[in-house]
N, C-alpha and C. Protein backbone atom coordinates (compact mmCIF):
# COMPACT_ATOMS: atom_id res chain seq x y z
N MET A 1 -40.75 -6.98 -31.92
CA MET A 1 -40.74 -5.58 -31.41
C MET A 1 -42.13 -5.07 -32.28
N ILE A 2 -42.30 -3.79 -31.31
CA ILE A 2 -43.29 -2.90 -32.09
C ILE A 2 -42.73 -1.62 -32.53
N PHE A 3 -43.09 -1.63 -33.74
CA PHE A 3 -42.72 -0.12 -34.55
C PHE A 3 -43.71 0.72 -34.66
N SER A 4 -43.36 2.11 -34.88
CA SER A 4 -44.36 3.22 -35.10
C SER A 4 -43.70 3.91 -36.25
N ILE A 5 -44.50 4.81 -37.02
CA ILE A 5 -44.04 5.58 -37.81
C ILE A 5 -44.36 7.13 -37.46
N PHE A 6 -42.98 7.50 -37.42
CA PHE A 6 -43.01 8.80 -37.06
C PHE A 6 -41.69 9.87 -37.90
N ALA A 7 -42.52 10.89 -38.46
CA ALA A 7 -42.05 11.64 -39.14
C ALA A 7 -41.49 10.64 -40.53
N HIS A 8 -41.99 10.27 -41.27
CA HIS A 8 -41.88 9.33 -42.28
C HIS A 8 -40.74 8.50 -42.05
N GLN A 9 -40.10 7.83 -41.10
CA GLN A 9 -39.16 7.00 -40.80
C GLN A 9 -39.59 5.84 -39.90
N ILE A 10 -38.98 4.51 -39.44
CA ILE A 10 -39.84 3.57 -38.70
C ILE A 10 -38.49 3.88 -37.51
N TYR A 11 -39.15 4.07 -36.44
CA TYR A 11 -38.22 3.85 -34.88
C TYR A 11 -38.91 2.94 -34.20
N GLN A 12 -38.10 2.49 -33.54
CA GLN A 12 -38.48 1.69 -32.33
C GLN A 12 -39.29 2.56 -31.12
N ASP A 13 -40.19 2.02 -30.57
CA ASP A 13 -41.40 3.06 -29.70
C ASP A 13 -40.47 3.54 -28.59
N MET A 14 -39.63 2.46 -28.21
CA MET A 14 -38.80 2.96 -26.92
C MET A 14 -37.81 4.08 -27.14
N ALA A 15 -37.52 4.49 -28.37
CA ALA A 15 -36.21 5.37 -28.73
C ALA A 15 -37.18 6.76 -29.18
N VAL A 16 -38.22 6.75 -29.12
CA VAL A 16 -39.06 7.80 -29.88
C VAL A 16 -38.87 9.30 -28.92
N THR A 17 -39.02 8.45 -27.39
CA THR A 17 -38.88 9.72 -26.69
C THR A 17 -37.45 10.43 -27.06
N ARG A 18 -36.51 9.49 -26.68
CA ARG A 18 -35.27 10.18 -26.76
C ARG A 18 -35.09 10.79 -27.90
N LEU A 19 -35.51 10.36 -29.11
CA LEU A 19 -35.21 10.81 -30.34
C LEU A 19 -35.78 12.23 -30.45
N LYS A 20 -37.05 12.31 -29.74
CA LYS A 20 -37.60 13.69 -29.73
C LYS A 20 -36.78 14.87 -29.01
N ARG A 21 -36.28 14.10 -27.65
CA ARG A 21 -35.55 15.32 -26.83
C ARG A 21 -34.43 15.64 -27.49
N LYS A 22 -33.82 14.68 -28.34
CA LYS A 22 -32.41 15.01 -29.06
C LYS A 22 -32.70 16.01 -29.95
N ASP A 23 -34.09 15.85 -30.81
CA ASP A 23 -34.39 16.81 -31.81
C ASP A 23 -34.49 18.14 -31.31
N ARG A 24 -35.30 18.33 -29.87
CA ARG A 24 -35.28 19.75 -29.61
C ARG A 24 -34.09 20.03 -29.27
N ARG A 25 -33.23 19.24 -28.84
CA ARG A 25 -32.01 19.67 -28.20
C ARG A 25 -30.97 20.49 -29.70
N ASN A 26 -31.22 19.72 -30.66
CA ASN A 26 -30.48 19.83 -31.83
C ASN A 26 -31.01 21.36 -32.35
N HIS A 27 -32.26 21.56 -32.39
CA HIS A 27 -32.87 22.62 -32.57
C HIS A 27 -32.65 23.55 -31.74
N ALA A 28 -32.39 23.75 -30.58
CA ALA A 28 -31.95 24.36 -29.76
C ALA A 28 -30.48 25.22 -29.94
N VAL A 29 -29.83 24.26 -30.12
CA VAL A 29 -28.01 24.69 -30.40
C VAL A 29 -28.54 25.13 -31.74
N ALA A 30 -28.81 24.95 -32.62
CA ALA A 30 -29.09 25.98 -33.72
C ALA A 30 -29.34 27.02 -33.77
N ASN A 31 -30.46 27.18 -33.12
CA ASN A 31 -31.04 28.54 -32.73
C ASN A 31 -30.22 29.42 -32.18
N ASN A 32 -29.52 28.83 -31.40
CA ASN A 32 -28.58 29.75 -30.43
C ASN A 32 -27.52 30.12 -31.35
N LYS A 33 -26.90 29.24 -32.07
CA LYS A 33 -25.93 29.85 -32.82
C LYS A 33 -26.40 31.11 -33.85
N VAL A 34 -27.64 30.61 -34.40
CA VAL A 34 -28.39 31.81 -35.49
C VAL A 34 -28.38 33.22 -34.54
N ASN A 35 -28.99 33.01 -33.19
CA ASN A 35 -28.86 34.22 -32.31
C ASN A 35 -27.82 35.03 -32.41
N ALA A 36 -26.89 34.12 -32.06
CA ALA A 36 -25.30 34.69 -31.75
C ALA A 36 -24.87 35.62 -32.84
N ILE A 37 -24.97 34.93 -34.25
CA ILE A 37 -24.45 35.56 -35.12
C ILE A 37 -25.55 37.06 -35.69
N LYS A 38 -26.67 36.85 -35.11
CA LYS A 38 -27.60 38.08 -35.42
C LYS A 38 -26.80 39.03 -34.48
N ILE A 39 -26.51 38.80 -33.15
CA ILE A 39 -26.06 39.91 -32.43
C ILE A 39 -24.80 40.18 -32.77
N LEU A 40 -24.06 39.59 -33.02
CA LEU A 40 -22.92 39.85 -33.65
C LEU A 40 -22.73 40.93 -34.87
N LYS A 41 -23.72 40.82 -35.50
CA LYS A 41 -23.85 41.33 -36.88
C LYS A 41 -24.56 42.61 -36.50
N GLN A 42 -25.06 43.16 -35.40
CA GLN A 42 -25.76 44.15 -35.04
C GLN A 42 -24.44 45.22 -34.61
N ARG A 43 -23.33 44.50 -33.75
CA ARG A 43 -22.62 45.21 -33.54
C ARG A 43 -22.01 46.18 -34.39
N PRO A 44 -21.48 47.47 -34.42
CA PRO A 44 -21.07 48.32 -35.57
C PRO A 44 -19.40 48.02 -35.27
N ILE A 45 -18.90 47.41 -36.19
CA ILE A 45 -17.67 47.52 -36.92
C ILE A 45 -16.55 48.67 -36.31
N ILE A 46 -16.25 48.28 -35.56
CA ILE A 46 -14.81 49.15 -35.03
C ILE A 46 -13.58 49.43 -35.47
N LYS A 47 -13.31 50.56 -36.28
CA LYS A 47 -12.18 50.85 -36.93
C LYS A 47 -11.35 52.00 -36.38
N LEU A 48 -10.11 51.72 -36.46
CA LEU A 48 -9.00 52.87 -36.18
C LEU A 48 -9.55 54.05 -36.58
N VAL A 49 -9.85 54.87 -36.12
CA VAL A 49 -9.78 56.58 -36.42
C VAL A 49 -9.07 57.39 -36.18
N ASP A 50 -8.35 58.30 -37.06
CA ASP A 50 -7.01 59.22 -36.50
C ASP A 50 -8.28 60.57 -36.42
N VAL A 51 -8.45 60.75 -35.02
CA VAL A 51 -9.22 62.13 -34.93
C VAL A 51 -8.28 63.44 -35.40
N GLU A 52 -7.23 63.74 -35.33
CA GLU A 52 -6.19 64.65 -35.68
C GLU A 52 -6.66 64.85 -37.04
N GLN A 53 -6.49 63.51 -37.93
CA GLN A 53 -6.85 64.02 -39.46
C GLN A 53 -8.24 64.06 -39.81
N ILE A 54 -9.04 63.78 -39.18
CA ILE A 54 -10.43 64.58 -39.56
C ILE A 54 -10.72 65.85 -38.97
N LYS A 55 -10.04 66.37 -37.68
CA LYS A 55 -10.19 67.60 -37.60
C LYS A 55 -9.20 68.63 -38.75
N ALA A 56 -8.19 67.82 -39.15
CA ALA A 56 -7.74 68.60 -40.21
C ALA A 56 -8.36 68.71 -41.12
N SER A 57 -9.11 67.81 -41.59
CA SER A 57 -9.65 67.94 -42.88
C SER A 57 -10.81 68.75 -42.88
N PHE A 58 -11.62 69.35 -41.88
CA PHE A 58 -12.46 70.40 -41.53
C PHE A 58 -11.63 71.93 -41.39
N ALA A 59 -10.51 71.59 -41.34
CA ALA A 59 -9.91 73.09 -41.39
C ALA A 59 -9.78 73.59 -42.84
N LYS A 60 -9.53 72.92 -43.51
CA LYS A 60 -9.03 73.08 -45.07
C LYS A 60 -10.21 74.17 -45.45
């Protein structure tokens, strides 16, 4: 068997292409999760607001 050194680990030559593709897919999944969390953090928190109570506080 022919071996090559890739990223300080030894892989068989036949498997390098598949590992690179898997690595890209793993990075894409992680990036999608990070972006989803960032989008969720940007949304304002919706709280139940009593409009009548706010109006009454201005009337005082």
